Amino acid sequence: MSDLDMEKHASFVVGRVLDCGMLNDWYIICDYYGMEKLKEIALRIRSLERKSLSFISTVTDTPKEKFRCYKQIQSKTSHWYF
């Protein structure tokens, strides 16, 4: 935890706050990074939960299709259920 750098590990921090954080955590990273920087970081994150993707897409007014994690979700093949 002491080795965590907010600039160097920005995608990790933002990803974890989006997936597991509370609303207060969201406010903290919004104040620290700013909305435009958050959008840039979130666009490059490889994996986010569907709810997190919907949230960041709505808040930044960016289509889901532009996010890298959306492309990753679409490329995964699902199991066939018989």
PDB file of N, CA and C in Angstrom:
ATOM      1  N   MET A   1       0.811  -1.185   0.000  1.00  0.00           N
ATOM      2  CA  MET A   1       0.000   0.000   0.000  1.00  0.00           C
ATOM      3  C   MET A   1       0.861   1.258   0.000  1.00  0.00           C
ATOM      4  N   SER A   2       1.975   1.217   0.692  1.00  0.00           N
ATOM      5  CA  SER A   2       2.837   2.393   0.749  1.00  0.00           C
ATOM      6  C   SER A   2       3.569   2.636  -0.570  1.00  0.00           C
ATOM      7  N   ASP A   3       3.670   1.605  -1.429  1.00  0.00           N
ATOM      8  CA  ASP A   3       4.343   1.743  -2.712  1.00  0.00           C
ATOM      9  C   ASP A   3       3.408   2.238  -3.815  1.00  0.00           C
ATOM     10  N   LEU A   4       2.157   2.424  -3.508  1.00  0.00           N
ATOM     11  CA  LEU A   4       1.176   2.834  -4.498  1.00  0.00           C
ATOM     12  C   LEU A   4       1.333   4.315  -4.813  1.00  0.00           C
ATOM     13  N   ASP A   5       1.582   4.615  -6.076  1.00  0.00           N
ATOM     14  CA  ASP A   5       1.737   5.985  -6.542  1.00  0.00           C
ATOM     15  C   ASP A   5       0.510   6.349  -7.364  1.00  0.00           C
ATOM     16  N   MET A   6      -0.165   7.440  -7.012  1.00  0.00           N
ATOM     17  CA  MET A   6      -1.420   7.819  -7.675  1.00  0.00           C
ATOM     18  C   MET A   6      -1.226   8.152  -9.147  1.00  0.00           C
ATOM     19  N   GLU A   7      -0.055   8.611  -9.533  1.00  0.00           N
ATOM     20  CA  GLU A   7       0.198   8.926 -10.942  1.00  0.00           C
ATOM     21  C   GLU A   7       0.679   7.696 -11.713  1.00  0.00           C
ATOM     22  N   LYS A   8       1.605   6.979 -11.129  1.00  0.00           N
ATOM     23  CA  LYS A   8       2.183   5.819 -11.801  1.00  0.00           C
ATOM     24  C   LYS A   8       1.171   4.680 -11.939  1.00  0.00           C
ATOM     25  N   HIS A   9       0.334   4.484 -10.949  1.00  0.00           N
ATOM     26  CA  HIS A   9      -0.641   3.393 -10.933  1.00  0.00           C
ATOM     27  C   HIS A   9      -2.076   3.915 -11.100  1.00  0.00           C
ATOM     28  N   ALA A  10      -2.236   4.928 -11.928  1.00  0.00           N
ATOM     29  CA  ALA A  10      -3.539   5.593 -12.080  1.00  0.00           C
ATOM     30  C   ALA A  10      -4.616   4.646 -12.588  1.00  0.00           C
ATOM     31  N   SER A  11      -4.294   3.802 -13.571  1.00  0.00           N
ATOM     32  CA  SER A  11      -5.323   2.905 -14.112  1.00  0.00           C
ATOM     33  C   SER A  11      -5.750   1.871 -13.075  1.00  0.00           C
ATOM     34  N   PHE A  12      -4.829   1.418 -12.249  1.00  0.00           N
ATOM     35  CA  PHE A  12      -5.169   0.475 -11.190  1.00  0.00           C
ATOM     36  C   PHE A  12      -6.093   1.130 -10.168  1.00  0.00           C
ATOM     37  N   VAL A  13      -5.736   2.333  -9.744  1.00  0.00           N
ATOM     38  CA  VAL A  13      -6.524   3.053  -8.736  1.00  0.00           C
ATOM     39  C   VAL A  13      -7.930   3.331  -9.259  1.00  0.00           C
ATOM     40  N   VAL A  14      -8.024   3.862 -10.466  1.00  0.00           N
ATOM     41  CA  VAL A  14      -9.329   4.200 -11.036  1.00  0.00           C
ATOM     42  C   VAL A  14     -10.166   2.945 -11.243  1.00  0.00           C
ATOM     43  N   GLY A  15      -9.561   1.885 -11.750  1.00  0.00           N
ATOM     44  CA  GLY A  15     -10.281   0.626 -11.961  1.00  0.00           C
ATOM     45  C   GLY A  15     -10.838   0.054 -10.674  1.00  0.00           C
ATOM     46  N   ARG A  16     -10.041   0.084  -9.617  1.00  0.00           N
ATOM     47  CA  ARG A  16     -10.493  -0.459  -8.340  1.00  0.00           C
ATOM     48  C   ARG A  16     -11.599   0.389  -7.724  1.00  0.00           C
ATOM     49  N   VAL A  17     -11.486   1.696  -7.854  1.00  0.00           N
ATOM     50  CA  VAL A  17     -12.534   2.565  -7.314  1.00  0.00           C
ATOM     51  C   VAL A  17     -13.835   2.351  -8.086  1.00  0.00           C
ATOM     52  N   LEU A  18     -13.740   2.227  -9.402  1.00  0.00           N
ATOM     53  CA  LEU A  18     -14.952   1.996 -10.192  1.00  0.00           C
ATOM     54  C   LEU A  18     -15.596   0.657  -9.856  1.00  0.00           C
ATOM     55  N   ASP A  19     -14.797  -0.381  -9.699  1.00  0.00           N
ATOM     56  CA  ASP A  19     -15.345  -1.716  -9.443  1.00  0.00           C
ATOM     57  C   ASP A  19     -15.737  -1.941  -7.983  1.00  0.00           C
ATOM     58  N   CYS A  20     -14.939  -1.441  -7.054  1.00  0.00           N
ATOM     59  CA  CYS A  20     -15.132  -1.802  -5.644  1.00  0.00           C
ATOM     60  C   CYS A  20     -15.336  -0.620  -4.707  1.00  0.00           C
ATOM     61  N   GLY A  21     -15.164   0.582  -5.197  1.00  0.00           N
ATOM     62  CA  GLY A  21     -15.168   1.747  -4.322  1.00  0.00           C
ATOM     63  C   GLY A  21     -16.551   2.221  -3.926  1.00  0.00           C
ATOM     64  N   MET A  22     -16.549   3.083  -2.944  1.00  0.00           N
ATOM     65  CA  MET A  22     -17.760   3.734  -2.467  1.00  0.00           C
ATOM     66  C   MET A  22     -17.864   5.108  -3.135  1.00  0.00           C
ATOM     67  N   LEU A  23     -18.980   5.768  -2.943  1.00  0.00           N
ATOM     68  CA  LEU A  23     -19.200   7.069  -3.569  1.00  0.00           C
ATOM     69  C   LEU A  23     -18.163   8.098  -3.101  1.00  0.00           C
ATOM     70  N   ASN A  24     -17.778   8.038  -1.841  1.00  0.00           N
ATOM     71  CA  ASN A  24     -16.748   8.959  -1.343  1.00  0.00           C
ATOM     72  C   ASN A  24     -15.412   8.745  -2.043  1.00  0.00           C
ATOM     73  N   ASP A  25     -15.079   7.490  -2.362  1.00  0.00           N
ATOM     74  CA  ASP A  25     -13.858   7.185  -3.104  1.00  0.00           C
ATOM     75  C   ASP A  25     -13.912   7.806  -4.498  1.00  0.00           C
ATOM     76  N   TRP A  26     -15.097   7.750  -5.110  1.00  0.00           N
ATOM     77  CA  TRP A  26     -15.287   8.355  -6.425  1.00  0.00           C
ATOM     78  C   TRP A  26     -15.023   9.862  -6.363  1.00  0.00           C
ATOM     79  N   TYR A  27     -15.541  10.516  -5.327  1.00  0.00           N
ATOM     80  CA  TYR A  27     -15.328  11.955  -5.176  1.00  0.00           C
ATOM     81  C   TYR A  27     -13.845  12.283  -4.986  1.00  0.00           C
ATOM     82  N   ILE A  28     -13.140  11.430  -4.275  1.00  0.00           N
ATOM     83  CA  ILE A  28     -11.706  11.653  -4.041  1.00  0.00           C
ATOM     84  C   ILE A  28     -10.933  11.597  -5.345  1.00  0.00           C
ATOM     85  N   ILE A  29     -11.175  10.572  -6.171  1.00  0.00           N
ATOM     86  CA  ILE A  29     -10.427  10.482  -7.421  1.00  0.00           C
ATOM     87  C   ILE A  29     -10.880  11.554  -8.419  1.00  0.00           C
ATOM     88  N   CYS A  30     -12.129  11.973  -8.354  1.00  0.00           N
ATOM     89  CA  CYS A  30     -12.585  13.082  -9.205  1.00  0.00           C
ATOM     90  C   CYS A  30     -11.841  14.364  -8.863  1.00  0.00           C
ATOM     91  N   ASP A  31     -11.672  14.623  -7.582  1.00  0.00           N
ATOM     92  CA  ASP A  31     -10.934  15.810  -7.156  1.00  0.00           C
ATOM     93  C   ASP A  31      -9.455  15.708  -7.523  1.00  0.00           C
ATOM     94  N   TYR A  32      -8.898  14.514  -7.410  1.00  0.00           N
ATOM     95  CA  TYR A  32      -7.470  14.336  -7.651  1.00  0.00           C
ATOM     96  C   TYR A  32      -7.130  14.409  -9.146  1.00  0.00           C
ATOM     97  N   TYR A  33      -7.857  13.638  -9.970  1.00  0.00           N
ATOM     98  CA  TYR A  33      -7.535  13.543 -11.391  1.00  0.00           C
ATOM     99  C   TYR A  33      -8.288  14.541 -12.264  1.00  0.00           C
ATOM    100  N   GLY A  34      -9.506  14.858 -11.902  1.00  0.00           N
ATOM    101  CA  GLY A  34     -10.355  15.668 -12.769  1.00  0.00           C
ATOM    102  C   GLY A  34     -11.110  14.757 -13.739  1.00  0.00           C
ATOM    103  N   MET A  35     -12.241  15.219 -14.214  1.00  0.00           N
ATOM    104  CA  MET A  35     -13.108  14.362 -15.023  1.00  0.00           C
ATOM    105  C   MET A  35     -12.480  13.996 -16.378  1.00  0.00           C
ATOM    106  N   GLU A  36     -11.784  14.921 -16.999  1.00  0.00           N
ATOM    107  CA  GLU A  36     -11.192  14.636 -18.309  1.00  0.00           C
ATOM    108  C   GLU A  36     -10.083  13.582 -18.205  1.00  0.00           C
ATOM    109  N   LYS A  37      -9.248  13.691 -17.184  1.00  0.00           N
ATOM    110  CA  LYS A  37      -8.180  12.702 -16.973  1.00  0.00           C
ATOM    111  C   LYS A  37      -8.784  11.343 -16.599  1.00  0.00           C
ATOM    112  N   LEU A  38      -9.847  11.336 -15.794  1.00  0.00           N
ATOM    113  CA  LEU A  38     -10.520  10.080 -15.455  1.00  0.00           C
ATOM    114  C   LEU A  38     -11.040   9.398 -16.709  1.00  0.00           C
ATOM    115  N   LYS A  39     -11.597  10.180 -17.605  1.00  0.00           N
ATOM    116  CA  LYS A  39     -12.103   9.624 -18.860  1.00  0.00           C
ATOM    117  C   LYS A  39     -10.969   8.994 -19.671  1.00  0.00           C
ATOM    118  N   GLU A  40      -9.839   9.683 -19.778  1.00  0.00           N
ATOM    119  CA  GLU A  40      -8.688   9.149 -20.516  1.00  0.00           C
ATOM    120  C   GLU A  40      -8.189   7.848 -19.905  1.00  0.00           C
ATOM    121  N   ILE A  41      -8.121   7.810 -18.591  1.00  0.00           N
ATOM    122  CA  ILE A  41      -7.646   6.609 -17.893  1.00  0.00           C
ATOM    123  C   ILE A  41      -8.629   5.459 -18.091  1.00  0.00           C
ATOM    124  N   ALA A  42      -9.902   5.738 -17.920  1.00  0.00           N
ATOM    125  CA  ALA A  42     -10.930   4.698 -18.024  1.00  0.00           C
ATOM    126  C   ALA A  42     -11.018   4.133 -19.436  1.00  0.00           C
ATOM    127  N   LEU A  43     -10.764   4.930 -20.428  1.00  0.00           N
ATOM    128  CA  LEU A  43     -10.805   4.446 -21.807  1.00  0.00           C
ATOM    129  C   LEU A  43      -9.763   3.369 -22.064  1.00  0.00           C
ATOM    130  N   ARG A  44      -8.661   3.390 -21.310  1.00  0.00           N
ATOM    131  CA  ARG A  44      -7.572   2.430 -21.520  1.00  0.00           C
ATOM    132  C   ARG A  44      -7.610   1.216 -20.602  1.00  0.00           C
ATOM    133  N   ILE A  45      -8.502   1.181 -19.624  1.00  0.00           N
ATOM    134  CA  ILE A  45      -8.558   0.056 -18.681  1.00  0.00           C
ATOM    135  C   ILE A  45      -9.035  -1.193 -19.412  1.00  0.00           C
ATOM    136  N   ARG A  46      -8.360  -2.301 -19.176  1.00  0.00           N
ATOM    137  CA  ARG A  46      -8.672  -3.549 -19.886  1.00  0.00           C
ATOM    138  C   ARG A  46      -9.928  -4.242 -19.413  1.00  0.00           C
ATOM    139  N   SER A  47     -10.197  -4.194 -18.126  1.00  0.00           N
ATOM    140  CA  SER A  47     -11.383  -4.906 -17.644  1.00  0.00           C
ATOM    141  C   SER A  47     -12.079  -4.110 -16.554  1.00  0.00           C
ATOM    142  N   LEU A  48     -13.379  -3.969 -16.731  1.00  0.00           N
ATOM    143  CA  LEU A  48     -14.257  -3.367 -15.749  1.00  0.00           C
ATOM    144  C   LEU A  48     -15.529  -4.193 -15.704  1.00  0.00           C
ATOM    145  N   GLU A  49     -16.176  -4.183 -14.572  1.00  0.00           N
ATOM    146  CA  GLU A  49     -17.465  -4.848 -14.483  1.00  0.00           C
ATOM    147  C   GLU A  49     -18.473  -4.068 -15.323  1.00  0.00           C
ATOM    148  N   ARG A  50     -19.529  -4.735 -15.732  1.00  0.00           N
ATOM    149  CA  ARG A  50     -20.524  -4.098 -16.600  1.00  0.00           C
ATOM    150  C   ARG A  50     -21.162  -2.866 -15.960  1.00  0.00           C
ATOM    151  N   LYS A  51     -21.433  -2.933 -14.668  1.00  0.00           N
ATOM    152  CA  LYS A  51     -22.018  -1.784 -13.972  1.00  0.00           C
ATOM    153  C   LYS A  51     -21.045  -0.616 -13.930  1.00  0.00           C
ATOM    154  N   SER A  52     -19.783  -0.908 -13.715  1.00  0.00           N
ATOM    155  CA  SER A  52     -18.769   0.138 -13.676  1.00  0.00           C
ATOM    156  C   SER A  52     -18.618   0.789 -15.040  1.00  0.00           C
ATOM    157  N   LEU A  53     -18.646  -0.023 -16.078  1.00  0.00           N
ATOM    158  CA  LEU A  53     -18.569   0.500 -17.446  1.00  0.00           C
ATOM    159  C   LEU A  53     -19.764   1.398 -17.750  1.00  0.00           C
ATOM    160  N   SER A  54     -20.943   0.979 -17.367  1.00  0.00           N
ATOM    161  CA  SER A  54     -22.139   1.799 -17.582  1.00  0.00           C
ATOM    162  C   SER A  54     -22.051   3.110 -16.816  1.00  0.00           C
ATOM    163  N   PHE A  55     -21.554   3.048 -15.597  1.00  0.00           N
ATOM    164  CA  PHE A  55     -21.434   4.258 -14.778  1.00  0.00           C
ATOM    165  C   PHE A  55     -20.473   5.263 -15.408  1.00  0.00           C
ATOM    166  N   ILE A  56     -19.266   4.819 -15.737  1.00  0.00           N
ATOM    167  CA  ILE A  56     -18.263   5.738 -16.273  1.00  0.00           C
ATOM    168  C   ILE A  56     -18.673   6.236 -17.653  1.00  0.00           C
ATOM    169  N   SER A  57     -19.363   5.406 -18.393  1.00  0.00           N
ATOM    170  CA  SER A  57     -19.860   5.824 -19.704  1.00  0.00           C
ATOM    171  C   SER A  57     -20.898   6.931 -19.562  1.00  0.00           C
ATOM    172  N   THR A  58     -21.789   6.792 -18.613  1.00  0.00           N
ATOM    173  CA  THR A  58     -22.831   7.790 -18.389  1.00  0.00           C
ATOM    174  C   THR A  58     -22.258   9.081 -17.823  1.00  0.00           C
ATOM    175  N   VAL A  59     -21.380   8.962 -16.843  1.00  0.00           N
ATOM    176  CA  VAL A  59     -20.822  10.146 -16.186  1.00  0.00           C
ATOM    177  C   VAL A  59     -19.974  10.975 -17.153  1.00  0.00           C
ATOM    178  N   THR A  60     -19.211  10.314 -18.013  1.00  0.00           N
ATOM    179  CA  THR A  60     -18.337  11.041 -18.935  1.00  0.00           C
ATOM    180  C   THR A  60     -19.002  11.321 -20.269  1.00  0.00           C
ATOM    181  N   ASP A  61     -20.229  10.837 -20.452  1.00  0.00           N
ATOM    182  CA  ASP A  61     -20.976  11.024 -21.698  1.00  0.00           C
ATOM    183  C   ASP A  61     -20.183  10.495 -22.897  1.00  0.00           C
ATOM    184  N   THR A  62     -19.669   9.271 -22.739  1.00  0.00           N
ATOM    185  CA  THR A  62     -18.887   8.605 -23.761  1.00  0.00           C
ATOM    186  C   THR A  62     -19.560   7.279 -24.085  1.00  0.00           C
ATOM    187  N   PRO A  63     -19.722   6.955 -25.364  1.00  0.00           N
ATOM    188  CA  PRO A  63     -20.335   5.660 -25.707  1.00  0.00           C
ATOM    189  C   PRO A  63     -19.503   4.488 -25.184  1.00  0.00           C
ATOM    190  N   LYS A  64     -20.178   3.440 -24.764  1.00  0.00           N
ATOM    191  CA  LYS A  64     -19.494   2.256 -24.223  1.00  0.00           C
ATOM    192  C   LYS A  64     -18.522   1.651 -25.225  1.00  0.00           C
ATOM    193  N   GLU A  65     -18.847   1.756 -26.501  1.00  0.00           N
ATOM    194  CA  GLU A  65     -18.038   1.137 -27.542  1.00  0.00           C
ATOM    195  C   GLU A  65     -16.621   1.702 -27.627  1.00  0.00           C
ATOM    196  N   LYS A  66     -16.402   2.875 -27.093  1.00  0.00           N
ATOM    197  CA  LYS A  66     -15.077   3.495 -27.147  1.00  0.00           C
ATOM    198  C   LYS A  66     -14.134   2.978 -26.069  1.00  0.00           C
ATOM    199  N   PHE A  67     -14.656   2.325 -25.054  1.00  0.00           N
ATOM    200  CA  PHE A  67     -13.831   1.833 -23.959  1.00  0.00           C
ATOM    201  C   PHE A  67     -13.153   0.528 -24.347  1.00  0.00           C
ATOM    202  N   ARG A  68     -11.916   0.382 -23.952  1.00  0.00           N
ATOM    203  CA  ARG A  68     -11.147  -0.825 -24.247  1.00  0.00           C
ATOM    204  C   ARG A  68     -11.767  -2.058 -23.587  1.00  0.00           C
ATOM    205  N   CYS A  69     -12.273  -1.889 -22.383  1.00  0.00           N
ATOM    206  CA  CYS A  69     -12.853  -3.024 -21.668  1.00  0.00           C
ATOM    207  C   CYS A  69     -14.116  -3.523 -22.368  1.00  0.00           C
ATOM    208  N   TYR A  70     -14.843  -2.655 -23.051  1.00  0.00           N
ATOM    209  CA  TYR A  70     -16.031  -3.081 -23.795  1.00  0.00           C
ATOM    210  C   TYR A  70     -15.621  -3.996 -24.940  1.00  0.00           C
ATOM    211  N   LYS A  71     -14.535  -3.652 -25.604  1.00  0.00           N
ATOM    212  CA  LYS A  71     -14.030  -4.477 -26.703  1.00  0.00           C
ATOM    213  C   LYS A  71     -13.557  -5.828 -26.188  1.00  0.00           C
ATOM    214  N   GLN A  72     -12.957  -5.841 -25.002  1.00  0.00           N
ATOM    215  CA  GLN A  72     -12.507  -7.096 -24.396  1.00  0.00           C
ATOM    216  C   GLN A  72     -13.695  -7.984 -24.050  1.00  0.00           C
ATOM    217  N   ILE A  73     -14.771  -7.393 -23.534  1.00  0.00           N
ATOM    218  CA  ILE A  73     -15.961  -8.166 -23.175  1.00  0.00           C
ATOM    219  C   ILE A  73     -16.559  -8.813 -24.417  1.00  0.00           C
ATOM    220  N   GLN A  74     -16.612  -8.070 -25.503  1.00  0.00           N
ATOM    221  CA  GLN A  74     -17.218  -8.564 -26.729  1.00  0.00           C
ATOM    222  C   GLN A  74     -16.402  -9.678 -27.372  1.00  0.00           C
ATOM    223  N   SER A  75     -15.088  -9.679 -27.157  1.00  0.00           N
ATOM    224  CA  SER A  75     -14.242 -10.690 -27.797  1.00  0.00           C
ATOM    225  C   SER A  75     -14.205 -12.007 -27.027  1.00  0.00           C
ATOM    226  N   LYS A  76     -14.703 -12.030 -25.794  1.00  0.00           N
ATOM    227  CA  LYS A  76     -14.735 -13.277 -25.022  1.00  0.00           C
ATOM    228  C   LYS A  76     -15.857 -14.157 -25.527  1.00  0.00           C
ATOM    229  N   THR A  77     -15.567 -15.418 -25.681  1.00  0.00           N
ATOM    230  CA  THR A  77     -16.612 -16.350 -26.068  1.00  0.00           C
ATOM    231  C   THR A  77     -17.268 -16.912 -24.818  1.00  0.00           C
ATOM    232  N   SER A  78     -18.557 -17.049 -24.858  1.00  0.00           N
ATOM    233  CA  SER A  78     -19.269 -17.586 -23.709  1.00  0.00           C
ATOM    234  C   SER A  78     -19.514 -19.071 -23.892  1.00  0.00           C
ATOM    235  N   HIS A  79     -19.791 -19.725 -22.802  1.00  0.00           N
ATOM    236  CA  HIS A  79     -20.058 -21.149 -22.838  1.00  0.00           C
ATOM    237  C   HIS A  79     -21.430 -21.416 -23.446  1.00  0.00           C
ATOM    238  N   TRP A  80     -21.547 -22.538 -24.056  1.00  0.00           N
ATOM    239  CA  TRP A  80     -22.839 -22.929 -24.605  1.00  0.00           C
ATOM    240  C   TRP A  80     -23.599 -23.674 -23.540  1.00  0.00           C
ATOM    241  N   TYR A  81     -24.827 -23.302 -23.360  1.00  0.00           N
ATOM    242  CA  TYR A  81     -25.679 -24.002 -22.404  1.00  0.00           C
ATOM    243  C   TYR A  81     -26.705 -24.811 -23.191  1.00  0.00           C
ATOM    244  N   PHE A  82     -26.769 -26.083 -22.876  1.00  0.00           N
ATOM    245  CA  PHE A  82     -27.703 -26.967 -23.583  1.00  0.00           C
ATOM    246  C   PHE A  82     -28.898 -27.287 -22.729  1.00  0.00           C
TER     247      PHE A  82
END
